[in-house]
PDB file of all heavy atoms in Angstrom:
ATOM      1  N   ASP A   1      -0.463 -17.354 -18.776  1.00  0.00           N
ATOM      2  CA  ASP A   1       0.098 -16.880 -17.511  1.00  0.00           C
ATOM      3  C   ASP A   1       0.110 -15.357 -17.407  1.00  0.00           C
ATOM      4  O   ASP A   1       0.432 -14.817 -16.344  1.00  0.00           O
ATOM      5  CB  ASP A   1       1.529 -17.400 -17.329  1.00  0.00           C
ATOM      6  CG  ASP A   1       1.579 -18.913 -17.211  1.00  0.00           C
ATOM      7  OD1 ASP A   1       0.592 -19.497 -16.701  1.00  0.00           O
ATOM      8  OD2 ASP A   1       2.586 -19.509 -17.648  1.00  0.00           O
ATOM      9  N   TYR A   2      -0.216 -14.664 -18.494  1.00  0.00           N
ATOM     10  CA  TYR A   2      -0.145 -13.208 -18.496  1.00  0.00           C
ATOM     11  C   TYR A   2      -1.546 -12.603 -18.560  1.00  0.00           C
ATOM     12  O   TYR A   2      -2.465 -13.171 -19.162  1.00  0.00           O
ATOM     13  CB  TYR A   2       0.677 -12.701 -19.676  1.00  0.00           C
ATOM     14  CG  TYR A   2       2.161 -12.961 -19.548  1.00  0.00           C
ATOM     15  CD1 TYR A   2       2.706 -14.178 -19.967  1.00  0.00           C
ATOM     16  CD2 TYR A   2       3.014 -12.007 -19.011  1.00  0.00           C
ATOM     17  CE1 TYR A   2       4.066 -14.429 -19.851  1.00  0.00           C
ATOM     18  CE2 TYR A   2       4.374 -12.244 -18.891  1.00  0.00           C
ATOM     19  CZ  TYR A   2       4.893 -13.455 -19.310  1.00  0.00           C
ATOM     20  OH  TYR A   2       6.225 -13.700 -19.186  1.00  0.00           O
ATOM     21  N   TYR A   3      -1.696 -11.440 -17.971  1.00  0.00           N
ATOM     22  CA  TYR A   3      -2.964 -10.709 -18.062  1.00  0.00           C
ATOM     23  C   TYR A   3      -2.720  -9.237 -17.770  1.00  0.00           C
ATOM     24  O   TYR A   3      -1.721  -8.866 -17.123  1.00  0.00           O
ATOM     25  CB  TYR A   3      -4.014 -11.285 -17.104  1.00  0.00           C
ATOM     26  CG  TYR A   3      -3.689 -11.143 -15.633  1.00  0.00           C
ATOM     27  CD1 TYR A   3      -4.155 -10.054 -14.887  1.00  0.00           C
ATOM     28  CD2 TYR A   3      -2.925 -12.107 -14.969  1.00  0.00           C
ATOM     29  CE1 TYR A   3      -3.862  -9.924 -13.536  1.00  0.00           C
ATOM     30  CE2 TYR A   3      -2.632 -11.990 -13.629  1.00  0.00           C
ATOM     31  CZ  TYR A   3      -3.103 -10.898 -12.911  1.00  0.00           C
ATOM     32  OH  TYR A   3      -2.809 -10.765 -11.573  1.00  0.00           O
ATOM     33  N   PHE A   4      -3.633  -8.390 -18.255  1.00  0.00           N
ATOM     34  CA  PHE A   4      -3.565  -6.958 -17.975  1.00  0.00           C
ATOM     35  C   PHE A   4      -4.412  -6.640 -16.738  1.00  0.00           C
ATOM     36  O   PHE A   4      -5.447  -7.272 -16.495  1.00  0.00           O
ATOM     37  CB  PHE A   4      -4.068  -6.136 -19.167  1.00  0.00           C
ATOM     38  CG  PHE A   4      -3.135  -6.150 -20.345  1.00  0.00           C
ATOM     39  CD1 PHE A   4      -3.484  -6.810 -21.529  1.00  0.00           C
ATOM     40  CD2 PHE A   4      -1.911  -5.506 -20.285  1.00  0.00           C
ATOM     41  CE1 PHE A   4      -2.632  -6.828 -22.616  1.00  0.00           C
ATOM     42  CE2 PHE A   4      -1.048  -5.514 -21.369  1.00  0.00           C
ATOM     43  CZ  PHE A   4      -1.406  -6.178 -22.538  1.00  0.00           C
ATOM     44  N   HIS A   5      -3.969  -5.635 -16.003  1.00  0.00           N
ATOM     45  CA  HIS A   5      -4.669  -5.300 -14.754  1.00  0.00           C
ATOM     46  C   HIS A   5      -4.585  -3.793 -14.504  1.00  0.00           C
ATOM     47  O   HIS A   5      -3.509  -3.197 -14.587  1.00  0.00           O
ATOM     48  CB  HIS A   5      -4.036  -6.060 -13.581  1.00  0.00           C
ATOM     49  CG  HIS A   5      -4.567  -5.653 -12.241  1.00  0.00           C
ATOM     50  ND1 HIS A   5      -5.874  -5.868 -11.851  1.00  0.00           N
ATOM     51  CD2 HIS A   5      -3.969  -5.026 -11.180  1.00  0.00           C
ATOM     52  CE1 HIS A   5      -6.052  -5.404 -10.632  1.00  0.00           C
ATOM     53  NE2 HIS A   5      -4.921  -4.888 -10.206  1.00  0.00           N
ATOM     54  N   PHE A   6      -5.742  -3.173 -14.231  1.00  0.00           N
ATOM     55  CA  PHE A   6      -5.767  -1.765 -13.817  1.00  0.00           C
ATOM     56  C   PHE A   6      -5.465  -1.682 -12.321  1.00  0.00           C
ATOM     57  O   PHE A   6      -6.056  -2.422 -11.523  1.00  0.00           O
ATOM     58  CB  PHE A   6      -7.147  -1.149 -14.071  1.00  0.00           C
ATOM     59  CG  PHE A   6      -7.411  -0.804 -15.510  1.00  0.00           C
ATOM     60  CD1 PHE A   6      -8.031  -1.704 -16.354  1.00  0.00           C
ATOM     61  CD2 PHE A   6      -7.040   0.427 -16.017  1.00  0.00           C
ATOM     62  CE1 PHE A   6      -8.288  -1.390 -17.673  1.00  0.00           C
ATOM     63  CE2 PHE A   6      -7.284   0.755 -17.333  1.00  0.00           C
ATOM     64  CZ  PHE A   6      -7.908  -0.156 -18.165  1.00  0.00           C
ATOM     65  N   ASN A   7      -4.589  -0.767 -11.957  1.00  0.00           N
ATOM     66  CA  ASN A   7      -4.252  -0.587 -10.542  1.00  0.00           C
ATOM     67  C   ASN A   7      -5.133   0.504  -9.939  1.00  0.00           C
ATOM     68  O   ASN A   7      -4.976   1.686 -10.259  1.00  0.00           O
ATOM     69  CB  ASN A   7      -2.781  -0.198 -10.398  1.00  0.00           C
ATOM     70  CG  ASN A   7      -2.388   0.022  -8.946  1.00  0.00           C
ATOM     71  OD1 ASN A   7      -3.017  -0.510  -8.043  1.00  0.00           O
ATOM     72  ND2 ASN A   7      -1.352   0.814  -8.724  1.00  0.00           N
ATOM     73  N   PRO A   8      -6.071   0.148  -9.042  1.00  0.00           N
ATOM     74  CA  PRO A   8      -7.042   1.133  -8.536  1.00  0.00           C
ATOM     75  C   PRO A   8      -6.606   1.856  -7.267  1.00  0.00           C
ATOM     76  O   PRO A   8      -7.361   2.660  -6.741  1.00  0.00           O
ATOM     77  CB  PRO A   8      -8.261   0.255  -8.229  1.00  0.00           C
ATOM     78  CG  PRO A   8      -7.655  -1.035  -7.777  1.00  0.00           C
ATOM     79  CD  PRO A   8      -6.375  -1.203  -8.564  1.00  0.00           C
ATOM     80  N   ARG A   9      -5.412   1.569  -6.781  1.00  0.00           N
ATOM     81  CA  ARG A   9      -5.037   2.068  -5.461  1.00  0.00           C
ATOM     82  C   ARG A   9      -5.121   3.592  -5.368  1.00  0.00           C
ATOM     83  O   ARG A   9      -5.567   4.136  -4.363  1.00  0.00           O
ATOM     84  CB  ARG A   9      -3.610   1.615  -5.118  1.00  0.00           C
ATOM     85  CG  ARG A   9      -3.196   1.917  -3.689  1.00  0.00           C
ATOM     86  CD  ARG A   9      -1.767   1.473  -3.453  1.00  0.00           C
ATOM     87  NE  ARG A   9      -0.846   2.230  -4.278  1.00  0.00           N
ATOM     88  CZ  ARG A   9       0.393   1.851  -4.545  1.00  0.00           C
ATOM     89  NH1 ARG A   9       0.837   0.695  -4.088  1.00  0.00           N
ATOM     90  NH2 ARG A   9       1.187   2.599  -5.274  1.00  0.00           N
ATOM     91  N   SER A  10      -4.718   4.289  -6.409  1.00  0.00           N
ATOM     92  CA  SER A  10      -4.694   5.750  -6.363  1.00  0.00           C
ATOM     93  C   SER A  10      -6.091   6.365  -6.392  1.00  0.00           C
ATOM     94  O   SER A  10      -6.251   7.554  -6.102  1.00  0.00           O
ATOM     95  CB  SER A  10      -3.871   6.306  -7.530  1.00  0.00           C
ATOM     96  OG  SER A  10      -4.469   5.930  -8.765  1.00  0.00           O
ATOM     97  N   LEU A  11      -7.117   5.571  -6.744  1.00  0.00           N
ATOM     98  CA  LEU A  11      -8.466   6.130  -6.869  1.00  0.00           C
ATOM     99  C   LEU A  11      -9.154   6.298  -5.523  1.00  0.00           C
ATOM    100  O   LEU A  11      -9.936   7.224  -5.336  1.00  0.00           O
ATOM    101  CB  LEU A  11      -9.332   5.235  -7.758  1.00  0.00           C
ATOM    102  CG  LEU A  11      -8.873   5.044  -9.205  1.00  0.00           C
ATOM    103  CD1 LEU A  11      -9.915   4.237  -9.957  1.00  0.00           C
ATOM    104  CD2 LEU A  11      -8.658   6.386  -9.891  1.00  0.00           C
ATOM    105  N   TYR A  12      -8.885   5.381  -4.607  1.00  0.00           N
ATOM    106  CA  TYR A  12      -9.587   5.424  -3.326  1.00  0.00           C
ATOM    107  C   TYR A  12      -9.119   6.608  -2.498  1.00  0.00           C
ATOM    108  O   TYR A  12      -7.929   6.936  -2.458  1.00  0.00           O
ATOM    109  CB  TYR A  12      -9.378   4.118  -2.559  1.00  0.00           C
ATOM    110  CG  TYR A  12     -10.068   2.945  -3.188  1.00  0.00           C
ATOM    111  CD1 TYR A  12      -9.365   2.043  -3.987  1.00  0.00           C
ATOM    112  CD2 TYR A  12     -11.421   2.733  -3.002  1.00  0.00           C
ATOM    113  CE1 TYR A  12     -10.001   0.966  -4.589  1.00  0.00           C
ATOM    114  CE2 TYR A  12     -12.069   1.647  -3.589  1.00  0.00           C
ATOM    115  CZ  TYR A  12     -11.352   0.774  -4.374  1.00  0.00           C
ATOM    116  OH  TYR A  12     -11.988  -0.290  -4.960  1.00  0.00           O
ATOM    117  N   ASN A  13     -10.071   7.228  -1.840  1.00  0.00           N
ATOM    118  CA  ASN A  13      -9.785   8.435  -1.071  1.00  0.00           C
ATOM    119  C   ASN A  13      -9.433   8.056   0.364  1.00  0.00           C
ATOM    120  O   ASN A  13     -10.304   7.766   1.181  1.00  0.00           O
ATOM    121  CB  ASN A  13     -11.005   9.371  -1.087  1.00  0.00           C
ATOM    122  CG  ASN A  13     -10.696  10.709  -0.454  1.00  0.00           C
ATOM    123  OD1 ASN A  13      -9.598  10.945   0.033  1.00  0.00           O
ATOM    124  ND2 ASN A  13     -11.665  11.598  -0.468  1.00  0.00           N
ATOM    125  N   TYR A  14      -8.143   8.029   0.658  1.00  0.00           N
ATOM    126  CA  TYR A  14      -7.673   7.750   2.007  1.00  0.00           C
ATOM    127  C   TYR A  14      -7.027   9.007   2.574  1.00  0.00           C
ATOM    128  O   TYR A  14      -6.302   9.719   1.873  1.00  0.00           O
ATOM    129  CB  TYR A  14      -6.633   6.628   2.012  1.00  0.00           C
ATOM    130  CG  TYR A  14      -7.147   5.284   1.572  1.00  0.00           C
ATOM    131  CD1 TYR A  14      -6.718   4.707   0.384  1.00  0.00           C
ATOM    132  CD2 TYR A  14      -8.053   4.581   2.349  1.00  0.00           C
ATOM    133  CE1 TYR A  14      -7.179   3.471  -0.026  1.00  0.00           C
ATOM    134  CE2 TYR A  14      -8.528   3.337   1.955  1.00  0.00           C
ATOM    135  CZ  TYR A  14      -8.087   2.791   0.765  1.00  0.00           C
ATOM    136  OH  TYR A  14      -8.555   1.569   0.372  1.00  0.00           O
ATOM    137  N   GLU A  15      -7.267   9.258   3.839  1.00  0.00           N
ATOM    138  CA  GLU A  15      -6.528  10.315   4.512  1.00  0.00           C
ATOM    139  C   GLU A  15      -5.113   9.807   4.794  1.00  0.00           C
ATOM    140  O   GLU A  15      -4.892   8.602   4.981  1.00  0.00           O
ATOM    141  CB  GLU A  15      -7.215  10.709   5.813  1.00  0.00           C
ATOM    142  CG  GLU A  15      -8.565  11.400   5.596  1.00  0.00           C
ATOM    143  CD  GLU A  15      -9.185  11.857   6.902  1.00  0.00           C
ATOM    144  OE1 GLU A  15      -8.549  11.638   7.956  1.00  0.00           O
ATOM    145  OE2 GLU A  15     -10.288  12.426   6.862  1.00  0.00           O
ATOM    146  N   LEU A  16      -4.155  10.727   4.836  1.00  0.00           N
ATOM    147  CA  LEU A  16      -2.762  10.344   5.049  1.00  0.00           C
ATOM    148  C   LEU A  16      -2.601   9.581   6.359  1.00  0.00           C
ATOM    149  O   LEU A  16      -1.819   8.632   6.452  1.00  0.00           O
ATOM    150  CB  LEU A  16      -1.874  11.597   5.045  1.00  0.00           C
ATOM    151  CG  LEU A  16      -0.365  11.353   5.151  1.00  0.00           C
ATOM    152  CD1 LEU A  16       0.110  10.476   4.000  1.00  0.00           C
ATOM    153  CD2 LEU A  16       0.392  12.674   5.163  1.00  0.00           C
ATOM    154  N   ARG A  17      -3.376   9.964   7.378  1.00  0.00           N
ATOM    155  CA  ARG A  17      -3.297   9.277   8.665  1.00  0.00           C
ATOM    156  C   ARG A  17      -3.728   7.821   8.530  1.00  0.00           C
ATOM    157  O   ARG A  17      -3.102   6.923   9.089  1.00  0.00           O
ATOM    158  CB  ARG A  17      -4.181   9.995   9.683  1.00  0.00           C
ATOM    159  CG  ARG A  17      -4.203   9.372  11.068  1.00  0.00           C
ATOM    160  CD  ARG A  17      -5.040  10.214  12.007  1.00  0.00           C
ATOM    161  NE  ARG A  17      -6.387  10.412  11.467  1.00  0.00           N
ATOM    162  CZ  ARG A  17      -7.279  11.230  12.019  1.00  0.00           C
ATOM    163  NH1 ARG A  17      -6.969  11.939  13.089  1.00  0.00           N
ATOM    164  NH2 ARG A  17      -8.484  11.350  11.483  1.00  0.00           N
ATOM    165  N   ASP A  18      -4.777   7.566   7.768  1.00  0.00           N
ATOM    166  CA  ASP A  18      -5.235   6.192   7.560  1.00  0.00           C
ATOM    167  C   ASP A  18      -4.198   5.386   6.794  1.00  0.00           C
ATOM    168  O   ASP A  18      -3.928   4.218   7.118  1.00  0.00           O
ATOM    169  CB  ASP A  18      -6.556   6.190   6.796  1.00  0.00           C
ATOM    170  CG  ASP A  18      -7.677   6.865   7.562  1.00  0.00           C
ATOM    171  OD1 ASP A  18      -7.597   6.899   8.806  1.00  0.00           O
ATOM    172  OD2 ASP A  18      -8.625   7.362   6.920  1.00  0.00           O
ATOM    173  N   MET A  19      -3.615   5.999   5.756  1.00  0.00           N
ATOM    174  CA  MET A  19      -2.600   5.309   4.968  1.00  0.00           C
ATOM    175  C   MET A  19      -1.380   4.971   5.821  1.00  0.00           C
ATOM    176  O   MET A  19      -0.827   3.866   5.711  1.00  0.00           O
ATOM    177  CB  MET A  19      -2.184   6.170   3.777  1.00  0.00           C
ATOM    178  CG  MET A  19      -3.288   6.395   2.759  1.00  0.00           C
ATOM    179  SD  MET A  19      -2.788   7.491   1.408  1.00  0.00           S
ATOM    180  CE  MET A  19      -1.462   6.543   0.673  1.00  0.00           C
ATOM    181  N   ALA A  20      -0.953   5.918   6.669  1.00  0.00           N
ATOM    182  CA  ALA A  20       0.212   5.679   7.522  1.00  0.00           C
ATOM    183  C   ALA A  20      -0.068   4.552   8.511  1.00  0.00           C
ATOM    184  O   ALA A  20       0.806   3.714   8.782  1.00  0.00           O
ATOM    185  CB  ALA A  20       0.579   6.959   8.259  1.00  0.00           C
ATOM    186  N   THR A  21      -1.282   4.492   9.045  1.00  0.00           N
ATOM    187  CA  THR A  21      -1.639   3.443   9.997  1.00  0.00           C
ATOM    188  C   THR A  21      -1.608   2.075   9.327  1.00  0.00           C
ATOM    189  O   THR A  21      -1.071   1.103   9.876  1.00  0.00           O
ATOM    190  CB  THR A  21      -3.044   3.704  10.578  1.00  0.00           C
ATOM    191  OG1 THR A  21      -3.046   4.975  11.235  1.00  0.00           O
ATOM    192  CG2 THR A  21      -3.431   2.623  11.568  1.00  0.00           C
ATOM    193  N   ILE A  22      -2.186   1.972   8.125  1.00  0.00           N
ATOM    194  CA  ILE A  22      -2.198   0.710   7.387  1.00  0.00           C
ATOM    195  C   ILE A  22      -0.776   0.299   7.011  1.00  0.00           C
ATOM    196  O   ILE A  22      -0.380  -0.864   7.161  1.00  0.00           O
ATOM    197  CB  ILE A  22      -3.073   0.829   6.135  1.00  0.00           C
ATOM    198  CG1 ILE A  22      -4.528   1.099   6.521  1.00  0.00           C
ATOM    199  CG2 ILE A  22      -2.982  -0.436   5.292  1.00  0.00           C
ATOM    200  CD1 ILE A  22      -5.428   1.431   5.349  1.00  0.00           C
ATOM    201  N   ALA A  23       0.008   1.263   6.529  1.00  0.00           N
ATOM    202  CA  ALA A  23       1.383   0.970   6.127  1.00  0.00           C
ATOM    203  C   ALA A  23       2.213   0.501   7.312  1.00  0.00           C
ATOM    204  O   ALA A  23       3.004  -0.446   7.205  1.00  0.00           O
ATOM    205  CB  ALA A  23       2.007   2.215   5.495  1.00  0.00           C
ATOM    206  N   ASP A  24       2.036   1.147   8.455  1.00  0.00           N
ATOM    207  CA  ASP A  24       2.776   0.750   9.655  1.00  0.00           C
ATOM    208  C   ASP A  24       2.424  -0.680  10.059  1.00  0.00           C
ATOM    209  O   ASP A  24       3.298  -1.478  10.424  1.00  0.00           O
ATOM    210  CB  ASP A  24       2.456   1.722  10.793  1.00  0.00           C
ATOM    211  CG  ASP A  24       3.197   1.366  12.080  1.00  0.00           C
ATOM    212  OD1 ASP A  24       4.442   1.437  12.082  1.00  0.00           O
ATOM    213  OD2 ASP A  24       2.525   1.001  13.071  1.00  0.00           O
ATOM    214  N   ASP A  25       1.153  -1.021   9.987  1.00  0.00           N
ATOM    215  CA  ASP A  25       0.702  -2.362  10.345  1.00  0.00           C
ATOM    216  C   ASP A  25       1.301  -3.407   9.404  1.00  0.00           C
ATOM    217  O   ASP A  25       1.732  -4.482   9.848  1.00  0.00           O
ATOM    218  CB  ASP A  25      -0.822  -2.410  10.311  1.00  0.00           C
ATOM    219  CG  ASP A  25      -1.370  -3.763  10.714  1.00  0.00           C
ATOM    220  OD1 ASP A  25      -1.280  -4.103  11.906  1.00  0.00           O
ATOM    221  OD2 ASP A  25      -1.879  -4.485   9.827  1.00  0.00           O
ATOM    222  N   GLN A  26       1.338  -3.103   8.104  1.00  0.00           N
ATOM    223  CA  GLN A  26       1.908  -4.036   7.135  1.00  0.00           C
ATOM    224  C   GLN A  26       3.413  -4.177   7.311  1.00  0.00           C
ATOM    225  O   GLN A  26       3.975  -5.259   7.117  1.00  0.00           O
ATOM    226  CB  GLN A  26       1.610  -3.561   5.704  1.00  0.00           C
ATOM    227  CG  GLN A  26       0.133  -3.407   5.380  1.00  0.00           C
ATOM    228  CD  GLN A  26      -0.606  -4.728   5.450  1.00  0.00           C
ATOM    229  OE1 GLN A  26      -0.290  -5.659   4.736  1.00  0.00           O
ATOM    230  NE2 GLN A  26      -1.587  -4.797   6.336  1.00  0.00           N
ATOM    231  N   TYR A  27       4.059  -3.090   7.710  1.00  0.00           N
ATOM    232  CA  TYR A  27       5.510  -3.087   7.858  1.00  0.00           C
ATOM    233  C   TYR A  27       5.962  -3.916   9.058  1.00  0.00           C
ATOM    234  O   TYR A  27       6.857  -4.763   8.956  1.00  0.00           O
ATOM    235  CB  TYR A  27       6.006  -1.645   7.978  1.00  0.00           C
ATOM    236  CG  TYR A  27       7.501  -1.511   8.158  1.00  0.00           C
ATOM    237  CD1 TYR A  27       8.374  -1.857   7.125  1.00  0.00           C
ATOM    238  CD2 TYR A  27       8.040  -1.043   9.351  1.00  0.00           C
ATOM    239  CE1 TYR A  27       9.752  -1.731   7.282  1.00  0.00           C
ATOM    240  CE2 TYR A  27       9.406  -0.918   9.528  1.00  0.00           C
ATOM    241  CZ  TYR A  27      10.261  -1.267   8.487  1.00  0.00           C
ATOM    242  OH  TYR A  27      11.616  -1.144   8.649  1.00  0.00           O
ATOM    243  N   ILE A  28       5.347  -3.695  10.209  1.00  0.00           N
ATOM    244  CA  ILE A  28       5.792  -4.377  11.432  1.00  0.00           C
ATOM    245  C   ILE A  28       5.402  -5.853  11.446  1.00  0.00           C
ATOM    246  O   ILE A  28       5.918  -6.629  12.252  1.00  0.00           O
ATOM    247  CB  ILE A  28       5.234  -3.680  12.694  1.00  0.00           C
ATOM    248  CG1 ILE A  28       3.709  -3.793  12.739  1.00  0.00           C
ATOM    249  CG2 ILE A  28       5.700  -2.243  12.756  1.00  0.00           C
ATOM    250  CD1 ILE A  28       3.104  -3.174  13.999  1.00  0.00           C
ATOM    251  N   ARG A  29       4.528  -6.255  10.557  1.00  0.00           N
ATOM    252  CA  ARG A  29       4.140  -7.673  10.475  1.00  0.00           C
ATOM    253  C   ARG A  29       4.922  -8.416   9.399  1.00  0.00           C
ATOM    254  O   ARG A  29       4.635  -9.587   9.121  1.00  0.00           O
ATOM    255  CB  ARG A  29       2.643  -7.800  10.207  1.00  0.00           C
ATOM    256  CG  ARG A  29       1.779  -7.276  11.337  1.00  0.00           C
ATOM    257  CD  ARG A  29       0.306  -7.348  10.991  1.00  0.00           C
ATOM    258  NE  ARG A  29      -0.517  -6.719  12.009  1.00  0.00           N
ATOM    259  CZ  ARG A  29      -0.941  -7.320  13.119  1.00  0.00           C
ATOM    260  NH1 ARG A  29      -0.612  -8.580  13.360  1.00  0.00           N
ATOM    261  NH2 ARG A  29      -1.682  -6.682  13.998  1.00  0.00           N
ATOM    262  N   GLY A  30       5.864  -7.752   8.768  1.00  0.00           N
ATOM    263  CA  GLY A  30       6.695  -8.406   7.762  1.00  0.00           C
ATOM    264  C   GLY A  30       5.992  -8.652   6.449  1.00  0.00           C
ATOM    265  O   GLY A  30       6.409  -9.510   5.669  1.00  0.00           O
ATOM    266  N   ILE A  31       4.919  -7.915   6.162  1.00  0.00           N
ATOM    267  CA  ILE A  31       4.170  -8.095   4.916  1.00  0.00           C
ATOM    268  C   ILE A  31       4.709  -7.191   3.812  1.00  0.00           C
ATOM    269  O   ILE A  31       4.778  -7.575   2.644  1.00  0.00           O
ATOM    270  CB  ILE A  31       2.671  -7.820   5.154  1.00  0.00           C
ATOM    271  CG1 ILE A  31       2.119  -8.820   6.177  1.00  0.00           C
ATOM    272  CG2 ILE A  31       1.885  -7.900   3.851  1.00  0.00           C
ATOM    273  CD1 ILE A  31       0.695  -8.547   6.587  1.00  0.00           C
ATOM    274  N   MET A  32       5.110  -5.961   4.175  1.00  0.00           N
ATOM    275  CA  MET A  32       5.688  -5.015   3.227  1.00  0.00           C
ATOM    276  C   MET A  32       7.030  -4.548   3.755  1.00  0.00           C
ATOM    277  O   MET A  32       7.189  -4.342   4.971  1.00  0.00           O
ATOM    278  CB  MET A  32       4.766  -3.800   3.041  1.00  0.00           C
ATOM    279  CG  MET A  32       3.396  -4.124   2.470  1.00  0.00           C
ATOM    280  SD  MET A  32       2.278  -2.676   2.490  1.00  0.00           S
ATOM    281  CE  MET A  32       3.073  -1.608   1.309  1.00  0.00           C
ATOM    282  N   ASP A  33       8.022  -4.391   2.846  1.00  0.00           N
ATOM    283  CA  ASP A  33       9.294  -3.820   3.294  1.00  0.00           C
ATOM    284  C   ASP A  33       9.195  -2.296   3.303  1.00  0.00           C
ATOM    285  O   ASP A  33       8.194  -1.717   2.863  1.00  0.00           O
ATOM    286  CB  ASP A  33      10.461  -4.310   2.428  1.00  0.00           C
ATOM    287  CG  ASP A  33      10.366  -3.877   0.973  1.00  0.00           C
ATOM    288  OD1 ASP A  33      10.006  -2.711   0.724  1.00  0.00           O
ATOM    289  OD2 ASP A  33      10.665  -4.698   0.082  1.00  0.00           O
ATOM    290  N   GLY A  34      10.234  -1.649   3.790  1.00  0.00           N
ATOM    291  CA  GLY A  34      10.196  -0.205   3.959  1.00  0.00           C
ATOM    292  C   GLY A  34       9.990   0.552   2.664  1.00  0.00           C
ATOM    293  O   GLY A  34       9.257   1.544   2.619  1.00  0.00           O
ATOM    294  N   ASN A  35      10.633   0.101   1.596  1.00  0.00           N
ATOM    295  CA  ASN A  35      10.495   0.808   0.321  1.00  0.00           C
ATOM    296  C   ASN A  35       9.116   0.587  -0.315  1.00  0.00           C
ATOM    297  O   ASN A  35       8.622   1.452  -1.038  1.00  0.00           O
ATOM    298  CB  ASN A  35      11.602   0.377  -0.641  1.00  0.00           C
ATOM    299  CG  ASN A  35      12.908   1.119  -0.359  1.00  0.00           C
ATOM    300  OD1 ASN A  35      12.886   2.266   0.110  1.00  0.00           O
ATOM    301  ND2 ASN A  35      14.031   0.464  -0.604  1.00  0.00           N
ATOM    302  N   GLU A  36       8.521  -0.568  -0.063  1.00  0.00           N
ATOM    303  CA  GLU A  36       7.156  -0.779  -0.533  1.00  0.00           C
ATOM    304  C   GLU A  36       6.196   0.174   0.171  1.00  0.00           C
ATOM    305  O   GLU A  36       5.273   0.716  -0.434  1.00  0.00           O
ATOM    306  CB  GLU A  36       6.727  -2.228  -0.303  1.00  0.00           C
ATOM    307  CG  GLU A  36       7.385  -3.214  -1.244  1.00  0.00           C
ATOM    308  CD  GLU A  36       7.029  -4.654  -0.933  1.00  0.00           C
ATOM    309  OE1 GLU A  36       6.894  -4.990   0.262  1.00  0.00           O
ATOM    310  OE2 GLU A  36       6.885  -5.453  -1.876  1.00  0.00           O
ATOM    311  N   VAL A  37       6.443   0.385   1.461  1.00  0.00           N
ATOM    312  CA  VAL A  37       5.619   1.335   2.216  1.00  0.00           C
ATOM    313  C   VAL A  37       5.812   2.740   1.673  1.00  0.00           C
ATOM    314  O   VAL A  37       4.849   3.489   1.467  1.00  0.00           O
ATOM    315  CB  VAL A  37       5.968   1.276   3.716  1.00  0.00           C
ATOM    316  CG1 VAL A  37       5.301   2.433   4.465  1.00  0.00           C
ATOM    317  CG2 VAL A  37       5.541  -0.055   4.310  1.00  0.00           C
ATOM    318  N   ARG A  38       7.061   3.129   1.422  1.00  0.00           N
ATOM    319  CA  ARG A  38       7.339   4.465   0.896  1.00  0.00           C
ATOM    320  C   ARG A  38       6.712   4.650  -0.484  1.00  0.00           C
ATOM    321  O   ARG A  38       6.172   5.711  -0.786  1.00  0.00           O
ATOM    322  CB  ARG A  38       8.852   4.692   0.833  1.00  0.00           C
ATOM    323  CG  ARG A  38       9.519   4.811   2.192  1.00  0.00           C
ATOM    324  CD  ARG A  38      11.034   5.028   2.056  1.00  0.00           C
ATOM    325  NE  ARG A  38      11.315   6.277   1.373  1.00  0.00           N
ATOM    326  CZ  ARG A  38      11.353   7.478   1.956  1.00  0.00           C
ATOM    327  NH1 ARG A  38      11.113   7.588   3.248  1.00  0.00           N
ATOM    328  NH2 ARG A  38      11.641   8.560   1.269  1.00  0.00           N
ATOM    329  N   ASN A  39       6.768   3.632  -1.319  1.00  0.00           N
ATOM    330  CA  ASN A  39       6.145   3.713  -2.640  1.00  0.00           C
ATOM    331  C   ASN A  39       4.635   3.871  -2.511  1.00  0.00           C
ATOM    332  O   ASN A  39       4.009   4.631  -3.256  1.00  0.00           O
ATOM    333  CB  ASN A  39       6.481   2.459  -3.446  1.00  0.00           C
ATOM    334  CG  ASN A  39       5.824   2.471  -4.824  1.00  0.00           C
ATOM    335  OD1 ASN A  39       6.100   3.328  -5.663  1.00  0.00           O
ATOM    336  ND2 ASN A  39       4.940   1.511  -5.061  1.00  0.00           N
ATOM    337  N   TRP A  40       4.036   3.176  -1.548  1.00  0.00           N
ATOM    338  CA  TRP A  40       2.587   3.264  -1.326  1.00  0.00           C
ATOM    339  C   TRP A  40       2.188   4.670  -0.898  1.00  0.00           C
ATOM    340  O   TRP A  40       1.116   5.155  -1.219  1.00  0.00           O
ATOM    341  CB  TRP A  40       2.188   2.233  -0.270  1.00  0.00           C
ATOM    342  CG  TRP A  40       0.729   1.951  -0.230  1.00  0.00           C
ATOM    343  CD1 TRP A  40      -0.053   1.476  -1.241  1.00  0.00           C
ATOM    344  CD2 TRP A  40      -0.141   2.138   0.887  1.00  0.00           C
ATOM    345  NE1 TRP A  40      -1.346   1.337  -0.826  1.00  0.00           N
ATOM    346  CE2 TRP A  40      -1.445   1.737   0.479  1.00  0.00           C
ATOM    347  CE3 TRP A  40       0.034   2.580   2.193  1.00  0.00           C
ATOM    348  CZ2 TRP A  40      -2.539   1.773   1.318  1.00  0.00           C
ATOM    349  CZ3 TRP A  40      -1.063   2.611   3.041  1.00  0.00           C
ATOM    350  CH2 TRP A  40      -2.326   2.227   2.596  1.00  0.00           C
TER     351      TRP A  40
END
């Protein structure tokens, strides 16, 4: 049930505007809570 995983999120080059747009979409659809968005 266990495995190791590299987290690649920080590697991709996103502009802050793109990240904010994606985060807003995830937030208003109930997929991510506010603190998950802030952490992202």
